[in-house]
Amino acid sequence: MITGPKKKFFKRQIINAAFEIARTEGIDQISTRKIAGKIGSSVAPIYVNFKNIEELIEALIDRIINVNQQILREENTGKPFHDIGRASLRFAIEYSVLFRDLVIKKIVT
């Protein structure tokens, strides 16, 4: 039986799926099975792209930091303390679950 080519999954897709899970459920709820379900595959592509779940979480944290930095760039009035405060509040409102995990629960150190 001939089958079509297998779909290839890239790191960015896997990180995006992990980000969406973390954004809605929390970082501590991330699992390879949940990510695989989100991208519509087995867990194999995750382990092809990442050595282990810890490496994936590190990539996820980088993504979260990038989102936070983007918000800070958008809050650019020239008043650094004001901008940092507004950006922090925006992140807390727009990404409340991530804010809770990173600041209140301190899941990642």
C-alpha atoms as a PDB file:
ATOM      1  CA  MET A   1       0.000   0.000   0.000  1.00  0.00           C
ATOM      2  CA  ILE A   2       1.347   3.411  -0.983  1.00  0.00           C
ATOM      3  CA  THR A   3       0.843   6.275   1.413  1.00  0.00           C
ATOM      4  CA  GLY A   4       1.427   9.963   0.891  1.00  0.00           C
ATOM      5  CA  PRO A   5       4.375  11.787   2.348  1.00  0.00           C
ATOM      6  CA  LYS A   6       4.350  12.269   6.083  1.00  0.00           C
ATOM      7  CA  LYS A   7       3.622  15.785   7.254  1.00  0.00           C
ATOM      8  CA  LYS A   8       6.708  17.507   8.604  1.00  0.00           C
ATOM      9  CA  PHE A   9       6.399  19.545  11.772  1.00  0.00           C
ATOM     10  CA  PHE A  10       8.772  22.372  12.534  1.00  0.00           C
ATOM     11  CA  LYS A  11      10.014  23.742  15.856  1.00  0.00           C
ATOM     12  CA  ARG A  12       8.002  26.932  15.401  1.00  0.00           C
ATOM     13  CA  GLN A  13       4.732  24.979  15.061  1.00  0.00           C
ATOM     14  CA  ILE A  14       5.499  22.941  18.163  1.00  0.00           C
ATOM     15  CA  ILE A  15       6.460  26.022  20.182  1.00  0.00           C
ATOM     16  CA  ASN A  16       3.314  27.822  18.998  1.00  0.00           C
ATOM     17  CA  ALA A  17       1.185  24.884  20.153  1.00  0.00           C
ATOM     18  CA  ALA A  18       2.976  24.821  23.517  1.00  0.00           C
ATOM     19  CA  PHE A  19       2.474  28.593  23.828  1.00  0.00           C
ATOM     20  CA  GLU A  20      -1.277  28.267  23.253  1.00  0.00           C
ATOM     21  CA  ILE A  21      -1.546  25.517  25.860  1.00  0.00           C
ATOM     22  CA  ALA A  22       0.507  27.545  28.352  1.00  0.00           C
ATOM     23  CA  ARG A  23      -1.480  30.701  27.596  1.00  0.00           C
ATOM     24  CA  THR A  24      -4.812  29.063  28.369  1.00  0.00           C
ATOM     25  CA  GLU A  25      -4.002  26.233  30.803  1.00  0.00           C
ATOM     26  CA  GLY A  26      -0.637  27.116  32.339  1.00  0.00           C
ATOM     27  CA  ILE A  27       2.964  26.106  31.817  1.00  0.00           C
ATOM     28  CA  ASP A  28       2.667  23.204  34.240  1.00  0.00           C
ATOM     29  CA  GLN A  29      -0.085  21.702  32.059  1.00  0.00           C
ATOM     30  CA  ILE A  30       2.144  21.264  29.020  1.00  0.00           C
ATOM     31  CA  SER A  31       2.750  17.695  27.940  1.00  0.00           C
ATOM     32  CA  THR A  32       3.996  16.119  24.751  1.00  0.00           C
ATOM     33  CA  ARG A  33       0.613  14.442  24.274  1.00  0.00           C
ATOM     34  CA  LYS A  34      -1.266  17.752  24.536  1.00  0.00           C
ATOM     35  CA  ILE A  35       1.114  19.399  22.094  1.00  0.00           C
ATOM     36  CA  ALA A  36       0.839  16.457  19.694  1.00  0.00           C
ATOM     37  CA  GLY A  37      -2.948  16.667  19.880  1.00  0.00           C
ATOM     38  CA  LYS A  38      -2.837  20.394  19.179  1.00  0.00           C
ATOM     39  CA  ILE A  39      -0.698  19.951  16.035  1.00  0.00           C
ATOM     40  CA  GLY A  40      -2.477  16.764  14.958  1.00  0.00           C
ATOM     41  CA  SER A  41       0.392  14.299  15.179  1.00  0.00           C
ATOM     42  CA  SER A  42       2.028  11.712  17.362  1.00  0.00           C
ATOM     43  CA  VAL A  43       4.651  12.774  19.894  1.00  0.00           C
ATOM     44  CA  ALA A  44       7.439  11.697  17.491  1.00  0.00           C
ATOM     45  CA  PRO A  45       7.858  15.113  15.775  1.00  0.00           C
ATOM     46  CA  ILE A  46       8.312  16.745  19.169  1.00  0.00           C
ATOM     47  CA  TYR A  47      11.228  14.470  19.998  1.00  0.00           C
ATOM     48  CA  VAL A  48      12.679  14.885  16.512  1.00  0.00           C
ATOM     49  CA  ASN A  49      12.847  18.650  17.112  1.00  0.00           C
ATOM     50  CA  PHE A  50      13.646  18.709  20.847  1.00  0.00           C
ATOM     51  CA  LYS A  51      15.865  16.458  22.975  1.00  0.00           C
ATOM     52  CA  ASN A  52      13.338  16.445  25.818  1.00  0.00           C
ATOM     53  CA  ILE A  53      10.460  18.388  27.314  1.00  0.00           C
ATOM     54  CA  GLU A  54      12.875  20.612  29.248  1.00  0.00           C
ATOM     55  CA  GLU A  55      14.427  21.856  25.997  1.00  0.00           C
ATOM     56  CA  LEU A  56      10.941  22.544  24.652  1.00  0.00           C
ATOM     57  CA  ILE A  57      10.012  24.478  27.812  1.00  0.00           C
ATOM     58  CA  GLU A  58      13.200  26.563  27.409  1.00  0.00           C
ATOM     59  CA  ALA A  59      12.139  27.423  23.848  1.00  0.00           C
ATOM     60  CA  LEU A  60       8.662  28.257  25.147  1.00  0.00           C
ATOM     61  CA  ILE A  61      10.112  30.590  27.798  1.00  0.00           C
ATOM     62  CA  ASP A  62      12.119  32.322  25.054  1.00  0.00           C
ATOM     63  CA  ARG A  63       8.869  32.816  23.130  1.00  0.00           C
ATOM     64  CA  ILE A  64       7.154  34.259  26.216  1.00  0.00           C
ATOM     65  CA  ILE A  65      10.083  36.633  26.779  1.00  0.00           C
ATOM     66  CA  ASN A  66       9.853  37.749  23.146  1.00  0.00           C
ATOM     67  CA  VAL A  67       6.136  38.464  23.558  1.00  0.00           C
ATOM     68  CA  ASN A  68       6.859  40.460  26.706  1.00  0.00           C
ATOM     69  CA  GLN A  69       9.640  42.417  24.959  1.00  0.00           C
ATOM     70  CA  GLN A  70       7.325  43.174  22.038  1.00  0.00           C
ATOM     71  CA  ILE A  71       4.759  44.605  24.429  1.00  0.00           C
ATOM     72  CA  LEU A  72       7.485  46.733  26.040  1.00  0.00           C
ATOM     73  CA  ARG A  73       8.562  48.046  22.601  1.00  0.00           C
ATOM     74  CA  GLU A  74       4.963  49.030  21.898  1.00  0.00           C
ATOM     75  CA  GLU A  75       4.787  50.989  25.174  1.00  0.00           C
ATOM     76  CA  ASN A  76       7.479  53.441  24.135  1.00  0.00           C
ATOM     77  CA  THR A  77       6.720  56.914  25.473  1.00  0.00           C
ATOM     78  CA  GLY A  78      10.309  57.729  26.383  1.00  0.00           C
ATOM     79  CA  LYS A  79       9.560  57.373  30.075  1.00  0.00           C
ATOM     80  CA  PRO A  80      11.225  54.052  30.983  1.00  0.00           C
ATOM     81  CA  PHE A  81       9.540  53.410  34.348  1.00  0.00           C
ATOM     82  CA  HIS A  82       6.145  54.356  32.952  1.00  0.00           C
ATOM     83  CA  ASP A  83       6.684  52.139  29.902  1.00  0.00           C
ATOM     84  CA  ILE A  84       7.808  49.161  31.991  1.00  0.00           C
ATOM     85  CA  GLY A  85       4.809  49.563  34.278  1.00  0.00           C
ATOM     86  CA  ARG A  86       2.316  49.789  31.419  1.00  0.00           C
ATOM     87  CA  ALA A  87       3.942  46.877  29.594  1.00  0.00           C
ATOM     88  CA  SER A  88       3.848  44.753  32.746  1.00  0.00           C
ATOM     89  CA  LEU A  89       0.175  45.550  33.285  1.00  0.00           C
ATOM     90  CA  ARG A  90      -0.618  44.777  29.650  1.00  0.00           C
ATOM     91  CA  PHE A  91       1.183  41.439  29.852  1.00  0.00           C
ATOM     92  CA  ALA A  92      -0.673  40.621  33.084  1.00  0.00           C
ATOM     93  CA  ILE A  93      -4.028  41.422  31.473  1.00  0.00           C
ATOM     94  CA  GLU A  94      -3.467  39.895  28.022  1.00  0.00           C
ATOM     95  CA  TYR A  95      -1.599  36.809  29.260  1.00  0.00           C
ATOM     96  CA  SER A  96      -3.021  36.390  32.745  1.00  0.00           C
ATOM     97  CA  VAL A  97      -2.314  32.659  33.028  1.00  0.00           C
ATOM     98  CA  LEU A  98       1.312  33.118  31.955  1.00  0.00           C
ATOM     99  CA  PHE A  99       1.681  36.079  34.315  1.00  0.00           C
ATOM    100  CA  ARG A 100       0.308  33.957  37.141  1.00  0.00           C
ATOM    101  CA  ASP A 101       2.717  31.117  36.334  1.00  0.00           C
ATOM    102  CA  LEU A 102       5.813  33.274  35.920  1.00  0.00           C
ATOM    103  CA  VAL A 103       5.294  35.938  38.559  1.00  0.00           C
ATOM    104  CA  ILE A 104       2.904  34.623  41.167  1.00  0.00           C
ATOM    105  CA  LYS A 105       3.506  30.854  41.085  1.00  0.00           C
ATOM    106  CA  LYS A 106       7.118  31.220  39.881  1.00  0.00           C
ATOM    107  CA  ILE A 107       6.918  27.947  37.938  1.00  0.00           C
ATOM    108  CA  VAL A 108      10.040  28.825  35.975  1.00  0.00           C
ATOM    109  CA  THR A 109      13.085  30.168  37.782  1.00  0.00           C
END
